[in-house]
Amino acid sequence: MATQVHACLVGNWVNLCDDPECKIGEAQASPSVWWEEGAKIYSPIKKDEADTFYKLDYVHIYYKGIDYRINPIFIQIVTT
């Protein structure tokens, strides 16, 4: 079985595993390693401020030379 990590980046769904330079999360892991090691995201248990975009859950993604910060709901895992 192969696991693929897909993400919606600026309105386009892409297979992050297609880019050998792709990195996800603070540890900057490859998409498959990120998934296998627990798929960590930024998600504060306690927010210091209310009503701010900066404290929303997110994942950093480096894909095809561009850095993205997306909400985890825009990631899908596909196993074939």
PDB file of N, CA and C in Angstrom:
ATOM      1  N   MET A   1       0.829  -1.183   0.000  1.00  0.00           N
ATOM      2  CA  MET A   1       0.000   0.000   0.000  1.00  0.00           C
ATOM      3  C   MET A   1       0.874   1.247   0.000  1.00  0.00           C
ATOM      4  N   ALA A   2       0.455   2.218  -0.776  1.00  0.00           N
ATOM      5  CA  ALA A   2       1.163   3.499  -0.833  1.00  0.00           C
ATOM      6  C   ALA A   2       0.257   4.591  -0.273  1.00  0.00           C
ATOM      7  N   THR A   3       0.848   5.458   0.513  1.00  0.00           N
ATOM      8  CA  THR A   3       0.103   6.575   1.087  1.00  0.00           C
ATOM      9  C   THR A   3       0.546   7.862   0.416  1.00  0.00           C
ATOM     10  N   GLN A   4      -0.431   8.639  -0.028  1.00  0.00           N
ATOM     11  CA  GLN A   4      -0.170   9.931  -0.649  1.00  0.00           C
ATOM     12  C   GLN A   4      -0.814  11.011   0.207  1.00  0.00           C
ATOM     13  N   VAL A   5      -0.141  12.153   0.284  1.00  0.00           N
ATOM     14  CA  VAL A   5      -0.663  13.288   1.033  1.00  0.00           C
ATOM     15  C   VAL A   5      -1.028  14.371   0.025  1.00  0.00           C
ATOM     16  N   HIS A   6      -2.314  14.696  -0.032  1.00  0.00           N
ATOM     17  CA  HIS A   6      -2.809  15.719  -0.944  1.00  0.00           C
ATOM     18  C   HIS A   6      -3.181  16.966  -0.141  1.00  0.00           C
ATOM     19  N   ALA A   7      -3.013  18.134  -0.754  1.00  0.00           N
ATOM     20  CA  ALA A   7      -3.385  19.383  -0.085  1.00  0.00           C
ATOM     21  C   ALA A   7      -3.986  20.342  -1.107  1.00  0.00           C
ATOM     22  N   CYS A   8      -4.910  21.147  -0.631  1.00  0.00           N
ATOM     23  CA  CYS A   8      -5.482  22.199  -1.469  1.00  0.00           C
ATOM     24  C   CYS A   8      -4.649  23.460  -1.230  1.00  0.00           C
ATOM     25  N   LEU A   9      -3.848  23.818  -2.231  1.00  0.00           N
ATOM     26  CA  LEU A   9      -2.976  24.987  -2.144  1.00  0.00           C
ATOM     27  C   LEU A   9      -3.489  26.054  -3.098  1.00  0.00           C
ATOM     28  N   VAL A  10      -3.983  27.122  -2.561  1.00  0.00           N
ATOM     29  CA  VAL A  10      -4.540  28.253  -3.312  1.00  0.00           C
ATOM     30  C   VAL A  10      -5.582  27.755  -4.321  1.00  0.00           C
ATOM     31  N   GLY A  11      -6.458  26.872  -3.839  1.00  0.00           N
ATOM     32  CA  GLY A  11      -7.583  26.419  -4.655  1.00  0.00           C
ATOM     33  C   GLY A  11      -7.312  25.240  -5.562  1.00  0.00           C
ATOM     34  N   ASN A  12      -6.095  24.717  -5.578  1.00  0.00           N
ATOM     35  CA  ASN A  12      -5.757  23.575  -6.433  1.00  0.00           C
ATOM     36  C   ASN A  12      -5.302  22.399  -5.574  1.00  0.00           C
ATOM     37  N   TRP A  13      -5.950  21.237  -5.769  1.00  0.00           N
ATOM     38  CA  TRP A  13      -5.527  20.042  -5.062  1.00  0.00           C
ATOM     39  C   TRP A  13      -4.303  19.459  -5.742  1.00  0.00           C
ATOM     40  N   VAL A  14      -3.253  19.209  -4.943  1.00  0.00           N
ATOM     41  CA  VAL A  14      -2.006  18.647  -5.465  1.00  0.00           C
ATOM     42  C   VAL A  14      -1.578  17.476  -4.592  1.00  0.00           C
ATOM     43  N   ASN A  15      -0.835  16.552  -5.196  1.00  0.00           N
ATOM     44  CA  ASN A  15      -0.236  15.443  -4.461  1.00  0.00           C
ATOM     45  C   ASN A  15       1.129  15.916  -3.986  1.00  0.00           C
ATOM     46  N   LEU A  16       1.276  16.172  -2.700  1.00  0.00           N
ATOM     47  CA  LEU A  16       2.527  16.697  -2.167  1.00  0.00           C
ATOM     48  C   LEU A  16       3.685  15.728  -2.377  1.00  0.00           C
ATOM     49  N   CYS A  17       3.387  14.450  -2.489  1.00  0.00           N
ATOM     50  CA  CYS A  17       4.430  13.445  -2.681  1.00  0.00           C
ATOM     51  C   CYS A  17       5.070  13.538  -4.069  1.00  0.00           C
ATOM     52  N   ASP A  18       4.454  14.278  -4.992  1.00  0.00           N
ATOM     53  CA  ASP A  18       5.016  14.446  -6.339  1.00  0.00           C
ATOM     54  C   ASP A  18       6.235  15.362  -6.349  1.00  0.00           C
ATOM     55  N   ASP A  19       6.412  16.161  -5.306  1.00  0.00           N
ATOM     56  CA  ASP A  19       7.549  17.072  -5.228  1.00  0.00           C
ATOM     57  C   ASP A  19       8.574  16.494  -4.249  1.00  0.00           C
ATOM     58  N   PRO A  20       9.722  16.013  -4.750  1.00  0.00           N
ATOM     59  CA  PRO A  20      10.719  15.420  -3.846  1.00  0.00           C
ATOM     60  C   PRO A  20      11.301  16.415  -2.838  1.00  0.00           C
ATOM     61  N   GLU A  21      11.137  17.711  -3.083  1.00  0.00           N
ATOM     62  CA  GLU A  21      11.639  18.739  -2.173  1.00  0.00           C
ATOM     63  C   GLU A  21      10.578  19.208  -1.174  1.00  0.00           C
ATOM     64  N   CYS A  22       9.368  18.662  -1.244  1.00  0.00           N
ATOM     65  CA  CYS A  22       8.266  19.078  -0.369  1.00  0.00           C
ATOM     66  C   CYS A  22       8.588  18.748   1.083  1.00  0.00           C
ATOM     67  N   LYS A  23       8.276  19.703   1.962  1.00  0.00           N
ATOM     68  CA  LYS A  23       8.462  19.538   3.402  1.00  0.00           C
ATOM     69  C   LYS A  23       7.202  20.011   4.117  1.00  0.00           C
ATOM     70  N   ILE A  24       6.871  19.316   5.203  1.00  0.00           N
ATOM     71  CA  ILE A  24       5.665  19.665   5.970  1.00  0.00           C
ATOM     72  C   ILE A  24       6.018  19.797   7.444  1.00  0.00           C
ATOM     73  N   GLY A  25       5.386  20.761   8.107  1.00  0.00           N
ATOM     74  CA  GLY A  25       5.485  20.910   9.546  1.00  0.00           C
ATOM     75  C   GLY A  25       6.765  21.562  10.014  1.00  0.00           C
ATOM     76  N   GLU A  26       6.817  21.782  11.314  1.00  0.00           N
ATOM     77  CA  GLU A  26       7.974  22.440  11.913  1.00  0.00           C
ATOM     78  C   GLU A  26       9.233  21.599  11.778  1.00  0.00           C
ATOM     79  N   ALA A  27       9.091  20.267  11.729  1.00  0.00           N
ATOM     80  CA  ALA A  27      10.244  19.380  11.574  1.00  0.00           C
ATOM     81  C   ALA A  27      10.703  19.297  10.117  1.00  0.00           C
ATOM     82  N   GLN A  28       9.938  19.880   9.224  1.00  0.00           N
ATOM     83  CA  GLN A  28      10.217  19.881   7.788  1.00  0.00           C
ATOM     84  C   GLN A  28      10.461  18.472   7.256  1.00  0.00           C
ATOM     85  N   ALA A  29       9.512  17.601   7.515  1.00  0.00           N
ATOM     86  CA  ALA A  29       9.580  16.217   7.062  1.00  0.00           C
ATOM     87  C   ALA A  29       8.960  16.089   5.679  1.00  0.00           C
ATOM     88  N   SER A  30       9.315  15.029   4.983  1.00  0.00           N
ATOM     89  CA  SER A  30       8.650  14.744   3.712  1.00  0.00           C
ATOM     90  C   SER A  30       7.185  14.423   4.017  1.00  0.00           C
ATOM     91  N   PRO A  31       6.290  14.543   3.028  1.00  0.00           N
ATOM     92  CA  PRO A  31       4.871  14.269   3.295  1.00  0.00           C
ATOM     93  C   PRO A  31       4.620  12.883   3.899  1.00  0.00           C
ATOM     94  N   SER A  32       5.270  11.842   3.373  1.00  0.00           N
ATOM     95  CA  SER A  32       5.015  10.490   3.882  1.00  0.00           C
ATOM     96  C   SER A  32       5.558  10.321   5.301  1.00  0.00           C
ATOM     97  N   VAL A  33       6.736  10.877   5.599  1.00  0.00           N
ATOM     98  CA  VAL A  33       7.288  10.790   6.953  1.00  0.00           C
ATOM     99  C   VAL A  33       6.430  11.597   7.918  1.00  0.00           C
ATOM    100  N   TRP A  34       5.996  12.789   7.515  1.00  0.00           N
ATOM    101  CA  TRP A  34       5.115  13.600   8.351  1.00  0.00           C
ATOM    102  C   TRP A  34       3.888  12.794   8.756  1.00  0.00           C
ATOM    103  N   TRP A  35       3.269  12.113   7.801  1.00  0.00           N
ATOM    104  CA  TRP A  35       2.078  11.317   8.080  1.00  0.00           C
ATOM    105  C   TRP A  35       2.402  10.143   9.000  1.00  0.00           C
ATOM    106  N   GLU A  36       3.474   9.413   8.689  1.00  0.00           N
ATOM    107  CA  GLU A  36       3.851   8.233   9.470  1.00  0.00           C
ATOM    108  C   GLU A  36       4.237   8.589  10.907  1.00  0.00           C
ATOM    109  N   GLU A  37       4.755   9.797  11.129  1.00  0.00           N
ATOM    110  CA  GLU A  37       5.219  10.191  12.459  1.00  0.00           C
ATOM    111  C   GLU A  37       4.185  10.986  13.260  1.00  0.00           C
ATOM    112  N   GLY A  38       2.931  10.901  12.871  1.00  0.00           N
ATOM    113  CA  GLY A  38       1.871  11.478  13.688  1.00  0.00           C
ATOM    114  C   GLY A  38       1.204  12.729  13.151  1.00  0.00           C
ATOM    115  N   ALA A  39       1.657  13.222  11.994  1.00  0.00           N
ATOM    116  CA  ALA A  39       1.014  14.348  11.302  1.00  0.00           C
ATOM    117  C   ALA A  39       0.801  15.553  12.225  1.00  0.00           C
ATOM    118  N   LYS A  40       1.884  16.026  12.821  1.00  0.00           N
ATOM    119  CA  LYS A  40       1.781  17.151  13.759  1.00  0.00           C
ATOM    120  C   LYS A  40       1.384  18.447  13.047  1.00  0.00           C
ATOM    121  N   ILE A  41       0.521  19.201  13.728  1.00  0.00           N
ATOM    122  CA  ILE A  41       0.083  20.506  13.240  1.00  0.00           C
ATOM    123  C   ILE A  41       0.225  21.512  14.376  1.00  0.00           C
ATOM    124  N   TYR A  42       0.170  22.791  14.038  1.00  0.00           N
ATOM    125  CA  TYR A  42       0.115  23.821  15.069  1.00  0.00           C
ATOM    126  C   TYR A  42      -1.328  23.911  15.524  1.00  0.00           C
ATOM    127  N   SER A  43      -1.566  23.655  16.791  1.00  0.00           N
ATOM    128  CA  SER A  43      -2.914  23.693  17.338  1.00  0.00           C
ATOM    129  C   SER A  43      -2.828  23.994  18.835  1.00  0.00           C
ATOM    130  N   PRO A  44      -2.872  25.277  19.198  1.00  0.00           N
ATOM    131  CA  PRO A  44      -2.708  25.629  20.613  1.00  0.00           C
ATOM    132  C   PRO A  44      -3.864  25.129  21.468  1.00  0.00           C
ATOM    133  N   ILE A  45      -3.523  24.567  22.618  1.00  0.00           N
ATOM    134  CA  ILE A  45      -4.549  24.117  23.562  1.00  0.00           C
ATOM    135  C   ILE A  45      -5.246  25.320  24.174  1.00  0.00           C
ATOM    136  N   LYS A  46      -4.448  26.324  24.492  1.00  0.00           N
ATOM    137  CA  LYS A  46      -4.993  27.551  25.068  1.00  0.00           C
ATOM    138  C   LYS A  46      -4.559  28.713  24.179  1.00  0.00           C
ATOM    139  N   LYS A  47      -5.499  29.519  23.804  1.00  0.00           N
ATOM    140  CA  LYS A  47      -5.201  30.676  22.971  1.00  0.00           C
ATOM    141  C   LYS A  47      -5.045  31.914  23.842  1.00  0.00           C
ATOM    142  N   ASP A  48      -3.963  32.642  23.618  1.00  0.00           N
ATOM    143  CA  ASP A  48      -3.714  33.870  24.366  1.00  0.00           C
ATOM    144  C   ASP A  48      -4.652  34.998  23.944  1.00  0.00           C
ATOM    145  N   GLU A  49      -5.092  34.935  22.705  1.00  0.00           N
ATOM    146  CA  GLU A  49      -5.975  35.976  22.169  1.00  0.00           C
ATOM    147  C   GLU A  49      -7.169  35.316  21.483  1.00  0.00           C
ATOM    148  N   ALA A  50      -8.297  35.966  21.554  1.00  0.00           N
ATOM    149  CA  ALA A  50      -9.483  35.499  20.835  1.00  0.00           C
ATOM    150  C   ALA A  50      -9.627  36.288  19.541  1.00  0.00           C
ATOM    151  N   ASP A  51     -10.379  35.745  18.629  1.00  0.00           N
ATOM    152  CA  ASP A  51     -10.739  36.445  17.394  1.00  0.00           C
ATOM    153  C   ASP A  51      -9.525  36.890  16.572  1.00  0.00           C
ATOM    154  N   THR A  52      -8.535  36.016  16.447  1.00  0.00           N
ATOM    155  CA  THR A  52      -7.375  36.348  15.634  1.00  0.00           C
ATOM    156  C   THR A  52      -7.025  35.191  14.709  1.00  0.00           C
ATOM    157  N   PHE A  53      -6.700  35.520  13.504  1.00  0.00           N
ATOM    158  CA  PHE A  53      -6.307  34.543  12.487  1.00  0.00           C
ATOM    159  C   PHE A  53      -5.035  33.807  12.890  1.00  0.00           C
ATOM    160  N   TYR A  54      -4.169  34.472  13.649  1.00  0.00           N
ATOM    161  CA  TYR A  54      -2.855  33.936  13.974  1.00  0.00           C
ATOM    162  C   TYR A  54      -2.883  32.697  14.868  1.00  0.00           C
ATOM    163  N   LYS A  55      -3.953  32.480  15.585  1.00  0.00           N
ATOM    164  CA  LYS A  55      -4.026  31.340  16.506  1.00  0.00           C
ATOM    165  C   LYS A  55      -4.838  30.165  15.960  1.00  0.00           C
ATOM    166  N   LEU A  56      -5.241  30.217  14.697  1.00  0.00           N
ATOM    167  CA  LEU A  56      -5.957  29.098  14.098  1.00  0.00           C
ATOM    168  C   LEU A  56      -5.001  27.922  13.883  1.00  0.00           C
ATOM    169  N   ASP A  57      -5.539  26.715  13.861  1.00  0.00           N
ATOM    170  CA  ASP A  57      -4.728  25.535  13.549  1.00  0.00           C
ATOM    171  C   ASP A  57      -4.158  25.682  12.142  1.00  0.00           C
ATOM    172  N   TYR A  58      -2.912  25.237  11.961  1.00  0.00           N
ATOM    173  CA  TYR A  58      -2.323  25.302  10.618  1.00  0.00           C
ATOM    174  C   TYR A  58      -1.180  24.322  10.466  1.00  0.00           C
ATOM    175  N   VAL A  59      -0.783  24.146   9.218  1.00  0.00           N
ATOM    176  CA  VAL A  59       0.357  23.325   8.846  1.00  0.00           C
ATOM    177  C   VAL A  59       1.204  24.144   7.880  1.00  0.00           C
ATOM    178  N   HIS A  60       2.515  24.160   8.110  1.00  0.00           N
ATOM    179  CA  HIS A  60       3.428  24.772   7.145  1.00  0.00           C
ATOM    180  C   HIS A  60       3.748  23.736   6.076  1.00  0.00           C
ATOM    181  N   ILE A  61       3.694  24.156   4.822  1.00  0.00           N
ATOM    182  CA  ILE A  61       4.041  23.282   3.702  1.00  0.00           C
ATOM    183  C   ILE A  61       4.966  24.037   2.765  1.00  0.00           C
ATOM    184  N   TYR A  62       6.063  23.403   2.397  1.00  0.00           N
ATOM    185  CA  TYR A  62       6.955  23.931   1.370  1.00  0.00           C
ATOM    186  C   TYR A  62       6.762  23.042   0.156  1.00  0.00           C
ATOM    187  N   TYR A  63       6.208  23.594  -0.921  1.00  0.00           N
ATOM    188  CA  TYR A  63       5.864  22.806  -2.109  1.00  0.00           C
ATOM    189  C   TYR A  63       6.273  23.576  -3.356  1.00  0.00           C
ATOM    190  N   LYS A  64       7.102  22.949  -4.166  1.00  0.00           N
ATOM    191  CA  LYS A  64       7.585  23.510  -5.437  1.00  0.00           C
ATOM    192  C   LYS A  64       8.108  24.940  -5.282  1.00  0.00           C
ATOM    193  N   GLY A  65       8.934  25.132  -4.242  1.00  0.00           N
ATOM    194  CA  GLY A  65       9.601  26.410  -4.046  1.00  0.00           C
ATOM    195  C   GLY A  65       8.783  27.498  -3.378  1.00  0.00           C
ATOM    196  N   ILE A  66       7.586  27.167  -2.911  1.00  0.00           N
ATOM    197  CA  ILE A  66       6.715  28.163  -2.280  1.00  0.00           C
ATOM    198  C   ILE A  66       6.313  27.676  -0.896  1.00  0.00           C
ATOM    199  N   ASP A  67       6.324  28.594   0.080  1.00  0.00           N
ATOM    200  CA  ASP A  67       5.873  28.279   1.438  1.00  0.00           C
ATOM    201  C   ASP A  67       4.390  28.579   1.566  1.00  0.00           C
ATOM    202  N   TYR A  68       3.663  27.630   2.167  1.00  0.00           N
ATOM    203  CA  TYR A  68       2.230  27.786   2.413  1.00  0.00           C
ATOM    204  C   TYR A  68       1.968  27.570   3.898  1.00  0.00           C
ATOM    205  N   ARG A  69       0.936  28.191   4.389  1.00  0.00           N
ATOM    206  CA  ARG A  69       0.428  27.959   5.739  1.00  0.00           C
ATOM    207  C   ARG A  69      -1.059  27.708   5.553  1.00  0.00           C
ATOM    208  N   ILE A  70      -1.477  26.454   5.749  1.00  0.00           N
ATOM    209  CA  ILE A  70      -2.869  26.105   5.466  1.00  0.00           C
ATOM    210  C   ILE A  70      -3.526  25.462   6.682  1.00  0.00           C
ATOM    211  N   ASN A  71      -4.846  25.531   6.703  1.00  0.00           N
ATOM    212  CA  ASN A  71      -5.623  24.853   7.725  1.00  0.00           C
ATOM    213  C   ASN A  71      -5.596  23.353   7.424  1.00  0.00           C
ATOM    214  N   PRO A  72      -5.454  22.504   8.438  1.00  0.00           N
ATOM    215  CA  PRO A  72      -5.373  21.065   8.210  1.00  0.00           C
ATOM    216  C   PRO A  72      -6.595  20.448   7.515  1.00  0.00           C
ATOM    217  N   ILE A  73      -7.725  21.149   7.500  1.00  0.00           N
ATOM    218  CA  ILE A  73      -8.879  20.582   6.801  1.00  0.00           C
ATOM    219  C   ILE A  73      -8.643  20.517   5.295  1.00  0.00           C
ATOM    220  N   PHE A  74      -7.603  21.195   4.810  1.00  0.00           N
ATOM    221  CA  PHE A  74      -7.295  21.165   3.400  1.00  0.00           C
ATOM    222  C   PHE A  74      -6.221  20.141   3.044  1.00  0.00           C
ATOM    223  N   ILE A  75      -6.102  19.105   3.899  1.00  0.00           N
ATOM    224  CA  ILE A  75      -5.186  17.982   3.638  1.00  0.00           C
ATOM    225  C   ILE A  75      -6.009  16.717   3.596  1.00  0.00           C
ATOM    226  N   GLN A  76      -5.725  15.877   2.594  1.00  0.00           N
ATOM    227  CA  GLN A  76      -6.385  14.572   2.496  1.00  0.00           C
ATOM    228  C   GLN A  76      -5.315  13.506   2.328  1.00  0.00           C
ATOM    229  N   ILE A  77      -5.544  12.369   2.967  1.00  0.00           N
ATOM    230  CA  ILE A  77      -4.634  11.238   2.886  1.00  0.00           C
ATOM    231  C   ILE A  77      -5.282  10.189   1.986  1.00  0.00           C
ATOM    232  N   VAL A  78      -4.534   9.737   0.974  1.00  0.00           N
ATOM    233  CA  VAL A  78      -5.050   8.748   0.021  1.00  0.00           C
ATOM    234  C   VAL A  78      -4.149   7.518   0.097  1.00  0.00           C
ATOM    235  N   THR A  79      -4.740   6.372   0.359  1.00  0.00           N
ATOM    236  CA  THR A  79      -4.007   5.114   0.411  1.00  0.00           C
ATOM    237  C   THR A  79      -4.460   4.227  -0.747  1.00  0.00           C
ATOM    238  N   THR A  80      -3.476   3.799  -1.548  1.00  0.00           N
ATOM    239  CA  THR A  80      -3.818   2.954  -2.701  1.00  0.00           C
ATOM    240  C   THR A  80      -3.131   1.617  -2.609  1.00  0.00           C
TER     241      THR A  80
END
